[in-house]
């Protein structure tokens, strides 16, 4: 297998030596252009990666803030819906009370 690679490199070298000066120049320019384009693609992909990573970090932070707010809202809901608090609010604000057995009327 190594012999094949060496033979292939030798054939490529002999093909390049047979090319004219203008063909070599064109090939050199094409290779240089491909290196430049490739390097620009690497730079652009790194830029896109950094942008996506920053957005991901911002979303993680927002998720954490929303989870904290959700926990606070659950605590507030449980405090506002507590039976004793509701009973006190109904008694004070609406003047309601638990009726005595004599005040209860069964409707059929």
PDB file of N, CA and C in Angstrom:
ATOM      1  N   UNK A   1       0.827  -1.194   0.000  1.00  0.00           N
ATOM      2  CA  UNK A   1       0.000   0.000   0.000  1.00  0.00           C
ATOM      3  C   UNK A   1       0.869   1.254   0.000  1.00  0.00           C
ATOM      4  N   UNK A   2       1.957   1.234   0.776  1.00  0.00           N
ATOM      5  CA  UNK A   2       2.866   2.374   0.789  1.00  0.00           C
ATOM      6  C   UNK A   2       3.481   2.560  -0.591  1.00  0.00           C
ATOM      7  N   UNK A   3       3.769   1.447  -1.254  1.00  0.00           N
ATOM      8  CA  UNK A   3       4.344   1.526  -2.598  1.00  0.00           C
ATOM      9  C   UNK A   3       3.374   2.214  -3.549  1.00  0.00           C
ATOM     10  N   UNK A   4       2.063   1.949  -3.403  1.00  0.00           N
ATOM     11  CA  UNK A   4       1.063   2.602  -4.250  1.00  0.00           C
ATOM     12  C   UNK A   4       1.056   4.110  -4.024  1.00  0.00           C
ATOM     13  N   UNK A   5       1.137   4.505  -2.755  1.00  0.00           N
ATOM     14  CA  UNK A   5       1.127   5.936  -2.442  1.00  0.00           C
ATOM     15  C   UNK A   5       2.355   6.615  -3.029  1.00  0.00           C
ATOM     16  N   UNK A   6       3.502   5.980  -2.865  1.00  0.00           N
ATOM     17  CA  UNK A   6       4.738   6.549  -3.404  1.00  0.00           C
ATOM     18  C   UNK A   6       4.659   6.624  -4.927  1.00  0.00           C
ATOM     19  N   UNK A   7       4.129   5.573  -5.545  1.00  0.00           N
ATOM     20  CA  UNK A   7       3.981   5.587  -7.009  1.00  0.00           C
ATOM     21  C   UNK A   7       3.021   6.688  -7.444  1.00  0.00           C
ATOM     22  N   UNK A   8       1.915   6.854  -6.706  1.00  0.00           N
ATOM     23  CA  UNK A   8       0.943   7.900  -7.027  1.00  0.00           C
ATOM     24  C   UNK A   8       1.545   9.277  -6.887  1.00  0.00           C
ATOM     25  N   UNK A   9       2.368   9.492  -5.845  1.00  0.00           N
ATOM     26  CA  UNK A   9       3.033  10.784  -5.665  1.00  0.00           C
ATOM     27  C   UNK A   9       4.041  11.014  -6.788  1.00  0.00           C
ATOM     28  N   UNK A  10       4.728   9.967  -7.186  1.00  0.00           N
ATOM     29  CA  UNK A  10       5.684  10.102  -8.294  1.00  0.00           C
ATOM     30  C   UNK A  10       4.986  10.443  -9.594  1.00  0.00           C
ATOM     31  N   UNK A  11       3.845   9.850  -9.834  1.00  0.00           N
ATOM     32  CA  UNK A  11       3.091  10.148 -11.056  1.00  0.00           C
ATOM     33  C   UNK A  11       2.584  11.582 -11.029  1.00  0.00           C
ATOM     34  N   UNK A  12       2.128  12.028  -9.864  1.00  0.00           N
ATOM     35  CA  UNK A  12       1.656  13.407  -9.743  1.00  0.00           C
ATOM     36  C   UNK A  12       2.804  14.378  -9.997  1.00  0.00           C
ATOM     37  N   UNK A  13       3.976  14.078  -9.449  1.00  0.00           N
ATOM     38  CA  UNK A  13       5.132  14.944  -9.639  1.00  0.00           C
ATOM     39  C   UNK A  13       5.516  15.002 -11.108  1.00  0.00           C
ATOM     40  N   UNK A  14       5.489  13.850 -11.761  1.00  0.00           N
ATOM     41  CA  UNK A  14       5.861  13.846 -13.180  1.00  0.00           C
ATOM     42  C   UNK A  14       4.806  14.574 -14.014  1.00  0.00           C
ATOM     43  N   UNK A  15       3.526  14.474 -13.624  1.00  0.00           N
ATOM     44  CA  UNK A  15       2.479  15.193 -14.347  1.00  0.00           C
ATOM     45  C   UNK A  15       2.637  16.692 -14.166  1.00  0.00           C
ATOM     46  N   UNK A  16       3.020  17.133 -12.973  1.00  0.00           N
ATOM     47  CA  UNK A  16       3.215  18.561 -12.723  1.00  0.00           C
ATOM     48  C   UNK A  16       4.416  19.105 -13.490  1.00  0.00           C
ATOM     49  N   UNK A  17       5.462  18.309 -13.626  1.00  0.00           N
ATOM     50  CA  UNK A  17       6.636  18.788 -14.364  1.00  0.00           C
ATOM     51  C   UNK A  17       6.343  18.899 -15.860  1.00  0.00           C
ATOM     52  N   UNK A  18       5.406  18.108 -16.341  1.00  0.00           N
ATOM     53  CA  UNK A  18       5.048  18.161 -17.755  1.00  0.00           C
ATOM     54  C   UNK A  18       4.143  19.349 -18.075  1.00  0.00           C
ATOM     55  N   UNK A  19       3.503  19.949 -17.056  1.00  0.00           N
ATOM     56  CA  UNK A  19       2.621  21.091 -17.297  1.00  0.00           C
ATOM     57  C   UNK A  19       3.435  22.304 -17.712  1.00  0.00           C
ATOM     58  N   UNK A  20       2.825  23.145 -18.506  1.00  0.00           N
ATOM     59  CA  UNK A  20       3.503  24.367 -18.917  1.00  0.00           C
ATOM     60  C   UNK A  20       3.501  25.362 -17.756  1.00  0.00           C
ATOM     61  N   UNK A  21       4.230  26.427 -17.930  1.00  0.00           N
ATOM     62  CA  UNK A  21       4.348  27.444 -16.885  1.00  0.00           C
ATOM     63  C   UNK A  21       2.993  28.081 -16.602  1.00  0.00           C
ATOM     64  N   UNK A  22       2.223  28.373 -17.629  1.00  0.00           N
ATOM     65  CA  UNK A  22       0.917  29.000 -17.425  1.00  0.00           C
ATOM     66  C   UNK A  22      -0.041  28.042 -16.720  1.00  0.00           C
ATOM     67  N   UNK A  23       0.023  26.766 -17.042  1.00  0.00           N
ATOM     68  CA  UNK A  23      -0.841  25.786 -16.378  1.00  0.00           C
ATOM     69  C   UNK A  23      -0.455  25.654 -14.914  1.00  0.00           C
ATOM     70  N   UNK A  24       0.842  25.674 -14.643  1.00  0.00           N
ATOM     71  CA  UNK A  24       1.288  25.627 -13.239  1.00  0.00           C
ATOM     72  C   UNK A  24       0.817  26.849 -12.486  1.00  0.00           C
ATOM     73  N   UNK A  25       0.896  27.987 -13.133  1.00  0.00           N
ATOM     74  CA  UNK A  25       0.454  29.234 -12.481  1.00  0.00           C
ATOM     75  C   UNK A  25      -1.032  29.170 -12.165  1.00  0.00           C
ATOM     76  N   UNK A  26      -1.813  28.676 -13.104  1.00  0.00           N
ATOM     77  CA  UNK A  26      -3.263  28.547 -12.885  1.00  0.00           C
ATOM     78  C   UNK A  26      -3.529  27.581 -11.743  1.00  0.00           C
ATOM     79  N   UNK A  27      -2.828  26.467 -11.744  1.00  0.00           N
ATOM     80  CA  UNK A  27      -2.995  25.488 -10.674  1.00  0.00           C
ATOM     81  C   UNK A  27      -2.606  26.075  -9.330  1.00  0.00           C
ATOM     82  N   UNK A  28      -1.518  26.828  -9.287  1.00  0.00           N
ATOM     83  CA  UNK A  28      -1.064  27.455  -8.052  1.00  0.00           C
ATOM     84  C   UNK A  28      -2.085  28.476  -7.547  1.00  0.00           C
ATOM     85  N   UNK A  29      -2.629  29.263  -8.454  1.00  0.00           N
ATOM     86  CA  UNK A  29      -3.633  30.255  -8.073  1.00  0.00           C
ATOM     87  C   UNK A  29      -4.890  29.552  -7.554  1.00  0.00           C
ATOM     88  N   UNK A  30      -5.286  28.474  -8.217  1.00  0.00           N
ATOM     89  CA  UNK A  30      -6.472  27.734  -7.766  1.00  0.00           C
ATOM     90  C   UNK A  30      -6.245  27.129  -6.387  1.00  0.00           C
ATOM     91  N   UNK A  31      -5.070  26.580  -6.159  1.00  0.00           N
ATOM     92  CA  UNK A  31      -4.767  26.017  -4.840  1.00  0.00           C
ATOM     93  C   UNK A  31      -4.743  27.106  -3.768  1.00  0.00           C
ATOM     94  N   UNK A  32      -4.145  28.232  -4.074  1.00  0.00           N
ATOM     95  CA  UNK A  32      -4.101  29.337  -3.110  1.00  0.00           C
ATOM     96  C   UNK A  32      -5.516  29.841  -2.812  1.00  0.00           C
ATOM     97  N   UNK A  33      -6.332  29.957  -3.854  1.00  0.00           N
ATOM     98  CA  UNK A  33      -7.715  30.406  -3.655  1.00  0.00           C
ATOM     99  C   UNK A  33      -8.492  29.407  -2.802  1.00  0.00           C
ATOM    100  N   UNK A  34      -8.268  28.126  -3.043  1.00  0.00           N
ATOM    101  CA  UNK A  34      -8.976  27.120  -2.245  1.00  0.00           C
ATOM    102  C   UNK A  34      -8.536  27.153  -0.784  1.00  0.00           C
ATOM    103  N   UNK A  35      -7.265  27.444  -0.535  1.00  0.00           N
ATOM    104  CA  UNK A  35      -6.788  27.576   0.847  1.00  0.00           C
ATOM    105  C   UNK A  35      -7.431  28.787   1.512  1.00  0.00           C
ATOM    106  N   UNK A  36      -7.517  29.896   0.805  1.00  0.00           N
ATOM    107  CA  UNK A  36      -8.130  31.105   1.356  1.00  0.00           C
ATOM    108  C   UNK A  36      -9.613  30.871   1.644  1.00  0.00           C
ATOM    109  N   UNK A  37     -10.315  30.270   0.698  1.00  0.00           N
ATOM    110  CA  UNK A  37     -11.744  29.999   0.885  1.00  0.00           C
ATOM    111  C   UNK A  37     -11.950  29.044   2.057  1.00  0.00           C
ATOM    112  N   UNK A  38     -11.117  28.042   2.148  1.00  0.00           N
ATOM    113  CA  UNK A  38     -11.224  27.086   3.245  1.00  0.00           C
ATOM    114  C   UNK A  38     -10.982  27.765   4.596  1.00  0.00           C
ATOM    115  N   UNK A  39      -9.992  28.634   4.662  1.00  0.00           N
ATOM    116  CA  UNK A  39      -9.711  29.321   5.924  1.00  0.00           C
ATOM    117  C   UNK A  39     -10.848  30.266   6.302  1.00  0.00           C
ATOM    118  N   UNK A  40     -11.437  30.929   5.304  1.00  0.00           N
ATOM    119  CA  UNK A  40     -12.583  31.796   5.585  1.00  0.00           C
ATOM    120  C   UNK A  40     -13.781  30.980   6.072  1.00  0.00           C
ATOM    121  N   UNK A  41     -13.961  29.800   5.523  1.00  0.00           N
ATOM    122  CA  UNK A  41     -15.055  28.934   5.973  1.00  0.00           C
ATOM    123  C   UNK A  41     -14.848  28.493   7.414  1.00  0.00           C
ATOM    124  N   UNK A  42     -13.614  28.205   7.777  1.00  0.00           N
ATOM    125  CA  UNK A  42     -13.315  27.821   9.161  1.00  0.00           C
ATOM    126  C   UNK A  42     -13.592  28.985  10.103  1.00  0.00           C
ATOM    127  N   UNK A  43     -13.176  30.176   9.716  1.00  0.00           N
ATOM    128  CA  UNK A  43     -13.417  31.364  10.547  1.00  0.00           C
ATOM    129  C   UNK A  43     -14.906  31.610  10.705  1.00  0.00           C
ATOM    130  N   UNK A  44     -15.664  31.491   9.623  1.00  0.00           N
ATOM    131  CA  UNK A  44     -17.106  31.730   9.679  1.00  0.00           C
ATOM    132  C   UNK A  44     -17.807  30.679  10.542  1.00  0.00           C
ATOM    133  N   UNK A  45     -17.390  29.429  10.424  1.00  0.00           N
ATOM    134  CA  UNK A  45     -18.024  28.389  11.245  1.00  0.00           C
ATOM    135  C   UNK A  45     -17.705  28.593  12.724  1.00  0.00           C
ATOM    136  N   UNK A  46     -16.500  29.053  13.044  1.00  0.00           N
ATOM    137  CA  UNK A  46     -16.167  29.359  14.442  1.00  0.00           C
ATOM    138  C   UNK A  46     -17.019  30.514  14.944  1.00  0.00           C
ATOM    139  N   UNK A  47     -17.242  31.511  14.103  1.00  0.00           N
ATOM    140  CA  UNK A  47     -18.103  32.641  14.461  1.00  0.00           C
ATOM    141  C   UNK A  47     -19.527  32.177  14.745  1.00  0.00           C
ATOM    142  N   UNK A  48     -20.064  31.329  13.865  1.00  0.00           N
ATOM    143  CA  UNK A  48     -21.419  30.811  14.072  1.00  0.00           C
ATOM    144  C   UNK A  48     -21.514  29.979  15.342  1.00  0.00           C
ATOM    145  N   UNK A  49     -20.475  29.189  15.625  1.00  0.00           N
ATOM    146  CA  UNK A  49     -20.456  28.394  16.849  1.00  0.00           C
ATOM    147  C   UNK A  49     -20.490  29.290  18.078  1.00  0.00           C
ATOM    148  N   UNK A  50     -19.691  30.348  18.071  1.00  0.00           N
ATOM    149  CA  UNK A  50     -19.672  31.257  19.225  1.00  0.00           C
ATOM    150  C   UNK A  50     -21.019  31.942  19.415  1.00  0.00           C
ATOM    151  N   UNK A  51     -21.642  32.333  18.317  1.00  0.00           N
ATOM    152  CA  UNK A  51     -22.964  32.951  18.416  1.00  0.00           C
ATOM    153  C   UNK A  51     -23.978  31.981  19.004  1.00  0.00           C
ATOM    154  N   UNK A  52     -23.978  30.746  18.520  1.00  0.00           N
ATOM    155  CA  UNK A  52     -24.917  29.743  19.016  1.00  0.00           C
ATOM    156  C   UNK A  52     -24.649  29.431  20.481  1.00  0.00           C
ATOM    157  N   UNK A  53     -23.385  29.368  20.871  1.00  0.00           N
ATOM    158  CA  UNK A  53     -23.034  29.089  22.266  1.00  0.00           C
ATOM    159  C   UNK A  53     -23.505  30.217  23.175  1.00  0.00           C
ATOM    160  N   UNK A  54     -23.300  31.468  22.746  1.00  0.00           N
ATOM    161  CA  UNK A  54     -23.761  32.601  23.547  1.00  0.00           C
ATOM    162  C   UNK A  54     -25.273  32.588  23.690  1.00  0.00           C
ATOM    163  N   UNK A  55     -25.973  32.286  22.613  1.00  0.00           N
ATOM    164  CA  UNK A  55     -27.432  32.227  22.676  1.00  0.00           C
ATOM    165  C   UNK A  55     -27.876  31.102  23.617  1.00  0.00           C
ATOM    166  N   UNK A  56     -27.198  29.979  23.566  1.00  0.00           N
ATOM    167  CA  UNK A  56     -27.531  28.866  24.447  1.00  0.00           C
ATOM    168  C   UNK A  56     -27.338  29.264  25.912  1.00  0.00           C
ATOM    169  N   UNK A  57     -26.251  29.962  26.215  1.00  0.00           N
ATOM    170  CA  UNK A  57     -26.003  30.391  27.594  1.00  0.00           C
ATOM    171  C   UNK A  57     -27.068  31.376  28.062  1.00  0.00           C
ATOM    172  N   UNK A  58     -27.483  32.274  27.187  1.00  0.00           N
ATOM    173  CA  UNK A  58     -28.537  33.221  27.544  1.00  0.00           C
ATOM    174  C   UNK A  58     -29.851  32.489  27.805  1.00  0.00           C
ATOM    175  N   UNK A  59     -30.145  31.488  26.988  1.00  0.00           N
ATOM    176  CA  UNK A  59     -31.374  30.723  27.186  1.00  0.00           C
ATOM    177  C   UNK A  59     -31.329  29.915  28.482  1.00  0.00           C
ATOM    178  N   UNK A  60     -30.162  29.364  28.827  1.00  0.00           N
ATOM    179  CA  UNK A  60     -30.023  28.653  30.099  1.00  0.00           C
ATOM    180  C   UNK A  60     -30.260  29.611  31.264  1.00  0.00           C
ATOM    181  N   UNK A  61     -29.709  30.802  31.178  1.00  0.00           N
ATOM    182  CA  UNK A  61     -29.896  31.786  32.239  1.00  0.00           C
ATOM    183  C   UNK A  61     -31.368  32.180  32.347  1.00  0.00           C
ATOM    184  N   UNK A  62     -32.019  32.383  31.215  1.00  0.00           N
ATOM    185  CA  UNK A  62     -33.436  32.735  31.223  1.00  0.00           C
ATOM    186  C   UNK A  62     -34.267  31.594  31.812  1.00  0.00           C
ATOM    187  N   UNK A  63     -33.922  30.353  31.459  1.00  0.00           N
ATOM    188  CA  UNK A  63     -34.632  29.206  32.022  1.00  0.00           C
ATOM    189  C   UNK A  63     -34.491  29.162  33.536  1.00  0.00           C
ATOM    190  N   UNK A  64     -33.290  29.405  34.037  1.00  0.00           N
ATOM    191  CA  UNK A  64     -33.070  29.395  35.477  1.00  0.00           C
ATOM    192  C   UNK A  64     -33.876  30.492  36.169  1.00  0.00           C
ATOM    193  N   UNK A  65     -33.911  31.676  35.564  1.00  0.00           N
ATOM    194  CA  UNK A  65     -34.689  32.770  36.141  1.00  0.00           C
ATOM    195  C   UNK A  65     -36.174  32.430  36.158  1.00  0.00           C
ATOM    196  N   UNK A  66     -36.654  31.807  35.083  1.00  0.00           N
ATOM    197  CA  UNK A  66     -38.068  31.423  35.019  1.00  0.00           C
ATOM    198  C   UNK A  66     -38.398  30.327  36.031  1.00  0.00           C
ATOM    199  N   UNK A  67     -37.475  29.411  36.257  1.00  0.00           N
ATOM    200  CA  UNK A  67     -37.693  28.371  37.263  1.00  0.00           C
ATOM    201  C   UNK A  67     -37.780  28.979  38.661  1.00  0.00           C
ATOM    202  N   UNK A  68     -36.947  29.970  38.959  1.00  0.00           N
ATOM    203  CA  UNK A  68     -37.002  30.649  40.256  1.00  0.00           C
ATOM    204  C   UNK A  68     -38.334  31.369  40.400  1.00  0.00           C
ATOM    205  N   UNK A  69     -38.749  32.067  39.347  1.00  0.00           N
ATOM    206  CA  UNK A  69     -40.031  32.786  39.394  1.00  0.00           C
ATOM    207  C   UNK A  69     -41.191  31.807  39.564  1.00  0.00           C
ATOM    208  N   UNK A  70     -41.122  30.667  38.882  1.00  0.00           N
ATOM    209  CA  UNK A  70     -42.175  29.659  39.000  1.00  0.00           C
ATOM    210  C   UNK A  70     -42.261  29.150  40.440  1.00  0.00           C
ATOM    211  N   UNK A  71     -41.143  28.902  41.063  1.00  0.00           N
ATOM    212  CA  UNK A  71     -41.135  28.457  42.456  1.00  0.00           C
ATOM    213  C   UNK A  71     -41.747  29.501  43.381  1.00  0.00           C
ATOM    214  N   UNK A  72     -41.414  30.760  43.141  1.00  0.00           N
ATOM    215  CA  UNK A  72     -41.991  31.833  43.957  1.00  0.00           C
ATOM    216  C   UNK A  72     -43.491  31.935  43.751  1.00  0.00           C
ATOM    217  N   UNK A  73     -43.942  31.761  42.519  1.00  0.00           N
ATOM    218  CA  UNK A  73     -45.382  31.816  42.244  1.00  0.00           C
ATOM    219  C   UNK A  73     -46.117  30.642  42.892  1.00  0.00           C
ATOM    220  N   UNK A  74     -45.496  29.471  42.906  1.00  0.00           N
ATOM    221  CA  UNK A  74     -46.116  28.327  43.572  1.00  0.00           C
ATOM    222  C   UNK A  74     -46.241  28.569  45.071  1.00  0.00           C
ATOM    223  N   UNK A  75     -45.203  29.150  45.663  1.00  0.00           N
ATOM    224  CA  UNK A  75     -45.270  29.474  47.089  1.00  0.00           C
ATOM    225  C   UNK A  75     -46.357  30.507  47.368  1.00  0.00           C
ATOM    226  N   UNK A  76     -46.425  31.515  46.522  1.00  0.00           N
ATOM    227  CA  UNK A  76     -47.442  32.542  46.691  1.00  0.00           C
ATOM    228  C   UNK A  76     -48.844  31.955  46.536  1.00  0.00           C
ATOM    229  N   UNK A  77     -49.018  31.081  45.566  1.00  0.00           N
ATOM    230  CA  UNK A  77     -50.325  30.447  45.365  1.00  0.00           C
ATOM    231  C   UNK A  77     -50.716  29.614  46.573  1.00  0.00           C
ATOM    232  N   UNK A  78     -49.799  28.836  47.092  1.00  0.00           N
ATOM    233  CA  UNK A  78     -50.130  28.003  48.251  1.00  0.00           C
ATOM    234  C   UNK A  78     -50.426  28.859  49.474  1.00  0.00           C
ATOM    235  N   UNK A  79     -49.727  29.988  49.604  1.00  0.00           N
ATOM    236  CA  UNK A  79     -50.001  30.871  50.743  1.00  0.00           C
ATOM    237  C   UNK A  79     -51.361  31.542  50.590  1.00  0.00           C
ATOM    238  N   UNK A  80     -51.717  31.968  49.380  1.00  0.00           N
ATOM    239  CA  UNK A  80     -52.997  32.645  49.160  1.00  0.00           C
ATOM    240  C   UNK A  80     -54.176  31.674  49.223  1.00  0.00           C
ATOM    241  N   UNK A  81     -53.961  30.430  48.895  1.00  0.00           N
ATOM    242  CA  UNK A  81     -55.048  29.467  48.866  1.00  0.00           C
ATOM    243  C   UNK A  81     -55.168  28.670  50.156  1.00  0.00           C
ATOM    244  N   UNK A  82     -54.391  28.999  51.166  1.00  0.00           N
ATOM    245  CA  UNK A  82     -54.459  28.274  52.435  1.00  0.00           C
ATOM    246  C   UNK A  82     -55.854  28.423  53.039  1.00  0.00           C
ATOM    247  N   UNK A  83     -56.364  27.330  53.599  1.00  0.00           N
ATOM    248  CA  UNK A  83     -57.737  27.297  54.103  1.00  0.00           C
ATOM    249  C   UNK A  83     -57.973  28.358  55.179  1.00  0.00           C
ATOM    250  N   UNK A  84     -57.060  28.490  56.101  1.00  0.00           N
ATOM    251  CA  UNK A  84     -57.224  29.469  57.189  1.00  0.00           C
ATOM    252  C   UNK A  84     -57.263  30.896  56.670  1.00  0.00           C
ATOM    253  N   UNK A  85     -56.454  31.208  55.714  1.00  0.00           N
ATOM    254  CA  UNK A  85     -56.434  32.563  55.149  1.00  0.00           C
ATOM    255  C   UNK A  85     -57.735  32.864  54.423  1.00  0.00           C
ATOM    256  N   UNK A  86     -58.210  31.897  53.636  1.00  0.00           N
ATOM    257  CA  UNK A  86     -59.471  32.090  52.910  1.00  0.00           C
ATOM    258  C   UNK A  86     -60.619  32.272  53.902  1.00  0.00           C
ATOM    259  N   UNK A  87     -60.637  31.480  54.956  1.00  0.00           N
ATOM    260  CA  UNK A  87     -61.709  31.592  55.956  1.00  0.00           C
ATOM    261  C   UNK A  87     -61.675  32.952  56.648  1.00  0.00           C
ATOM    262  N   UNK A  88     -60.501  33.445  56.989  1.00  0.00           N
ATOM    263  CA  UNK A  88     -60.395  34.774  57.625  1.00  0.00           C
ATOM    264  C   UNK A  88     -60.854  35.870  56.675  1.00  0.00           C
ATOM    265  N   UNK A  89     -60.443  35.782  55.403  1.00  0.00           N
ATOM    266  CA  UNK A  89     -60.823  36.805  54.426  1.00  0.00           C
ATOM    267  C   UNK A  89     -62.332  36.821  54.215  1.00  0.00           C
ATOM    268  N   UNK A  90     -62.951  35.655  54.148  1.00  0.00           N
ATOM    269  CA  UNK A  90     -64.401  35.569  53.949  1.00  0.00           C
ATOM    270  C   UNK A  90     -65.131  36.132  55.157  1.00  0.00           C
ATOM    271  N   UNK A  91     -64.637  35.833  56.329  1.00  0.00           N
ATOM    272  CA  UNK A  91     -65.287  36.317  57.546  1.00  0.00           C
ATOM    273  C   UNK A  91     -65.167  37.836  57.657  1.00  0.00           C
ATOM    274  N   UNK A  92     -64.003  38.389  57.410  1.00  0.00           N
ATOM    275  CA  UNK A  92     -63.788  39.829  57.576  1.00  0.00           C
ATOM    276  C   UNK A  92     -64.409  40.638  56.439  1.00  0.00           C
ATOM    277  N   UNK A  93     -64.127  40.261  55.195  1.00  0.00           N
ATOM    278  CA  UNK A  93     -64.535  41.087  54.063  1.00  0.00           C
ATOM    279  C   UNK A  93     -65.993  40.876  53.656  1.00  0.00           C
ATOM    280  N   UNK A  94     -66.482  39.657  53.745  1.00  0.00           N
ATOM    281  CA  UNK A  94     -67.829  39.387  53.266  1.00  0.00           C
ATOM    282  C   UNK A  94     -68.837  39.175  54.398  1.00  0.00           C
ATOM    283  N   UNK A  95     -68.353  39.114  55.610  1.00  0.00           N
ATOM    284  CA  UNK A  95     -69.249  38.923  56.748  1.00  0.00           C
ATOM    285  C   UNK A  95     -69.871  37.535  56.787  1.00  0.00           C
ATOM    286  N   UNK A  96     -69.247  36.572  56.187  1.00  0.00           N
ATOM    287  CA  UNK A  96     -69.784  35.210  56.182  1.00  0.00           C
ATOM    288  C   UNK A  96     -69.326  34.474  57.429  1.00  0.00           C
ATOM    289  N   UNK A  97     -70.104  33.471  57.823  1.00  0.00           N
ATOM    290  CA  UNK A  97     -69.761  32.658  58.987  1.00  0.00           C
ATOM    291  C   UNK A  97     -70.313  31.257  58.777  1.00  0.00           C
ATOM    292  N   UNK A  98     -69.853  30.335  59.612  1.00  0.00           N
ATOM    293  CA  UNK A  98     -70.352  28.968  59.548  1.00  0.00           C
ATOM    294  C   UNK A  98     -71.707  28.955  60.250  1.00  0.00           C
ATOM    295  N   UNK A  99     -72.774  28.547  59.583  1.00  0.00           N
ATOM    296  CA  UNK A  99     -74.101  28.594  60.205  1.00  0.00           C
ATOM    297  C   UNK A  99     -74.247  27.547  61.316  1.00  0.00           C
ATOM    298  N   UNK A 100     -75.081  27.889  62.282  1.00  0.00           N
ATOM    299  CA  UNK A 100     -75.391  26.932  63.337  1.00  0.00           C
ATOM    300  C   UNK A 100     -76.381  25.899  62.805  1.00  0.00           C
ATOM    301  N   UNK A 101     -76.531  24.783  63.443  1.00  0.00           N
ATOM    302  CA  UNK A 101     -77.451  23.749  62.936  1.00  0.00           C
ATOM    303  C   UNK A 101     -78.910  24.266  62.810  1.00  0.00           C
ATOM    304  N   UNK A 102     -79.299  25.232  63.644  1.00  0.00           N
ATOM    305  CA  UNK A 102     -80.652  25.771  63.542  1.00  0.00           C
ATOM    306  C   UNK A 102     -80.837  26.623  62.273  1.00  0.00           C
ATOM    307  N   UNK A 103     -79.768  27.187  61.765  1.00  0.00           N
ATOM    308  CA  UNK A 103     -79.855  28.070  60.592  1.00  0.00           C
ATOM    309  C   UNK A 103     -79.777  27.304  59.271  1.00  0.00           C
ATOM    310  N   UNK A 104     -79.441  26.039  59.335  1.00  0.00           N
ATOM    311  CA  UNK A 104     -79.309  25.242  58.114  1.00  0.00           C
ATOM    312  C   UNK A 104     -80.667  24.796  57.638  1.00  0.00           C
ATOM    313  N   UNK A 105     -80.982  25.053  56.369  1.00  0.00           N
ATOM    314  CA  UNK A 105     -82.253  24.649  55.757  1.00  0.00           C
ATOM    315  C   UNK A 105     -81.941  23.711  54.606  1.00  0.00           C
ATOM    316  N   UNK A 106     -82.558  22.561  54.609  1.00  0.00           N
ATOM    317  CA  UNK A 106     -82.356  21.574  53.555  1.00  0.00           C
ATOM    318  C   UNK A 106     -83.454  21.795  52.515  1.00  0.00           C
ATOM    319  N   UNK A 107     -83.070  22.001  51.289  1.00  0.00           N
ATOM    320  CA  UNK A 107     -84.007  22.225  50.192  1.00  0.00           C
ATOM    321  C   UNK A 107     -84.084  20.949  49.364  1.00  0.00           C
ATOM    322  N   UNK A 108     -85.347  20.522  49.132  1.00  0.00           N
ATOM    323  CA  UNK A 108     -85.531  19.291  48.343  1.00  0.00           C
ATOM    324  C   UNK A 108     -86.195  19.589  47.062  1.00  0.00           C
TER     325      UNK A 108
END
